[in-house]
Each structure stands twice: as structure tokens, then as C-alpha cells.
Amino acid sequence: MKSTLKMILNLENGKTYTLDLVNPRADLTKEETVAFMNDLITDKAIVVGGVLAVSVKKAYIQSVDEQSIA
């Protein structure tokens, strides 16, 4: 099963930006994820079209089960 950590940040202009991390650690915690996202915001590391990320919206792990049919 393929898993992807989706980290969604709110931008200054009211839009959102999603960061994807493929195959995150199985023991990844909410606290670690939120702390990382807050560090990105504090360090002004995320700028989308000149617009800064200002807050955490949400984070979740998306799991996809791929089945070959051919």
C-alpha cells in the first residue's frame, strides 16, 4: 500500500498550499508533523507566488491500495 503525508498550510491570501511526502515513517506523530509545519512557517520557508504560509490547516496520511489488472 502506498502512503503519502499531506501537509496543508494556509497562505496569507486565504488560499492553501499542500506539501506531499511519499512513504512517511510508520511511527510519525501528530506533534512531530505540526512542529515541522510550524518551523516552515516561522522560517518563512514556504512562499507561493510571493505569498507566505501563515498557519497550519491540517495534516493527514493518504493510503492508496494499487491493484494491477494487466
C-alpha atoms as a PDB file:
ATOM      1  CA  MET A   1       0.000   0.000   0.000  1.00  0.00           C
ATOM      2  CA  LYS A   2       1.307   3.434  -0.951  1.00  0.00           C
ATOM      3  CA  SER A   3       1.025   6.187   1.654  1.00  0.00           C
ATOM      4  CA  THR A   4       1.511   9.930   1.381  1.00  0.00           C
ATOM      5  CA  LEU A   5       1.680  12.501   4.158  1.00  0.00           C
ATOM      6  CA  LYS A   6      -0.372  15.537   3.103  1.00  0.00           C
ATOM      7  CA  MET A   7       0.521  18.771   4.930  1.00  0.00           C
ATOM      8  CA  ILE A   8      -1.832  21.655   4.169  1.00  0.00           C
ATOM      9  CA  LEU A   9      -0.814  25.218   5.024  1.00  0.00           C
ATOM     10  CA  ASN A  10      -2.919  28.389   4.938  1.00  0.00           C
ATOM     11  CA  LEU A  11      -1.456  31.246   2.898  1.00  0.00           C
ATOM     12  CA  GLU A  12      -1.712  34.997   3.568  1.00  0.00           C
ATOM     13  CA  ASN A  13      -4.115  35.430   0.658  1.00  0.00           C
ATOM     14  CA  GLY A  14      -6.659  32.937   2.017  1.00  0.00           C
ATOM     15  CA  LYS A  15      -5.627  30.099  -0.282  1.00  0.00           C
ATOM     16  CA  THR A  16      -3.908  26.867   0.761  1.00  0.00           C
ATOM     17  CA  TYR A  17      -0.753  25.018  -0.237  1.00  0.00           C
ATOM     18  CA  THR A  18      -0.235  21.262   0.098  1.00  0.00           C
ATOM     19  CA  LEU A  19       3.118  19.585   0.667  1.00  0.00           C
ATOM     20  CA  ASP A  20       3.286  15.853  -0.111  1.00  0.00           C
ATOM     21  CA  LEU A  21       5.765  13.417   1.423  1.00  0.00           C
ATOM     22  CA  VAL A  22       5.682   9.911  -0.041  1.00  0.00           C
ATOM     23  CA  ASN A  23       6.084   6.933   2.319  1.00  0.00           C
ATOM     24  CA  PRO A  24       6.371   8.734   5.674  1.00  0.00           C
ATOM     25  CA  ARG A  25       7.719   6.913   8.707  1.00  0.00           C
ATOM     26  CA  ALA A  26       5.197   4.493  10.171  1.00  0.00           C
ATOM     27  CA  ASP A  27       5.697   5.944  13.679  1.00  0.00           C
ATOM     28  CA  LEU A  28       5.322   9.605  12.659  1.00  0.00           C
ATOM     29  CA  THR A  29       3.326  11.556  15.263  1.00  0.00           C
ATOM     30  CA  LYS A  30       0.940  14.477  15.027  1.00  0.00           C
ATOM     31  CA  GLU A  31       3.209  16.505  17.302  1.00  0.00           C
ATOM     32  CA  GLU A  32       6.254  15.971  15.051  1.00  0.00           C
ATOM     33  CA  THR A  33       4.292  16.882  11.947  1.00  0.00           C
ATOM     34  CA  VAL A  34       2.757  20.048  13.396  1.00  0.00           C
ATOM     35  CA  ALA A  35       6.129  21.136  14.822  1.00  0.00           C
ATOM     36  CA  PHE A  36       7.738  20.688  11.396  1.00  0.00           C
ATOM     37  CA  MET A  37       4.973  22.656   9.696  1.00  0.00           C
ATOM     38  CA  ASN A  38       5.260  25.456  12.279  1.00  0.00           C
ATOM     39  CA  ASP A  39       9.030  25.581  11.694  1.00  0.00           C
ATOM     40  CA  LEU A  40       8.388  26.051   7.964  1.00  0.00           C
ATOM     41  CA  ILE A  41       6.046  28.950   8.774  1.00  0.00           C
ATOM     42  CA  THR A  42       8.398  30.559  11.321  1.00  0.00           C
ATOM     43  CA  ASP A  43      11.376  30.284   8.956  1.00  0.00           C
ATOM     44  CA  LYS A  44       9.277  31.689   6.075  1.00  0.00           C
ATOM     45  CA  ALA A  45      10.345  28.650   4.051  1.00  0.00           C
ATOM     46  CA  ILE A  46       7.111  28.364   2.074  1.00  0.00           C
ATOM     47  CA  VAL A  47       6.412  31.177  -0.390  1.00  0.00           C
ATOM     48  CA  VAL A  48       3.926  30.541  -3.194  1.00  0.00           C
ATOM     49  CA  GLY A  49       3.807  33.219  -5.861  1.00  0.00           C
ATOM     50  CA  GLY A  50       5.193  35.765  -3.399  1.00  0.00           C
ATOM     51  CA  VAL A  51       2.640  34.798  -0.719  1.00  0.00           C
ATOM     52  CA  LEU A  52       3.800  33.402   2.640  1.00  0.00           C
ATOM     53  CA  ALA A  53       2.372  30.427   4.521  1.00  0.00           C
ATOM     54  CA  VAL A  54       0.884  31.705   7.791  1.00  0.00           C
ATOM     55  CA  SER A  55      -0.716  28.763   9.603  1.00  0.00           C
ATOM     56  CA  VAL A  56      -1.319  25.032   9.694  1.00  0.00           C
ATOM     57  CA  LYS A  57      -4.646  23.929   8.245  1.00  0.00           C
ATOM     58  CA  LYS A  58      -4.333  20.156   8.620  1.00  0.00           C
ATOM     59  CA  ALA A  59      -2.177  17.120   8.011  1.00  0.00           C
ATOM     60  CA  TYR A  60      -3.183  13.569   7.220  1.00  0.00           C
ATOM     61  CA  ILE A  61      -1.862  10.357   5.717  1.00  0.00           C
ATOM     62  CA  GLN A  62      -3.498   9.207   2.494  1.00  0.00           C
ATOM     63  CA  SER A  63      -3.229   5.484   1.785  1.00  0.00           C
ATOM     64  CA  VAL A  64      -3.793   4.048  -1.663  1.00  0.00           C
ATOM     65  CA  ASP A  65      -4.008   0.371  -2.485  1.00  0.00           C
ATOM     66  CA  GLU A  66      -2.891  -0.229  -6.060  1.00  0.00           C
ATOM     67  CA  GLN A  67      -4.041  -3.377  -7.842  1.00  0.00           C
ATOM     68  CA  SER A  68      -2.642  -4.308 -11.214  1.00  0.00           C
ATOM     69  CA  ILE A  69      -5.209  -5.526 -13.721  1.00  0.00           C
ATOM     70  CA  ALA A  70      -2.879  -6.146 -16.637  1.00  0.00           C
END
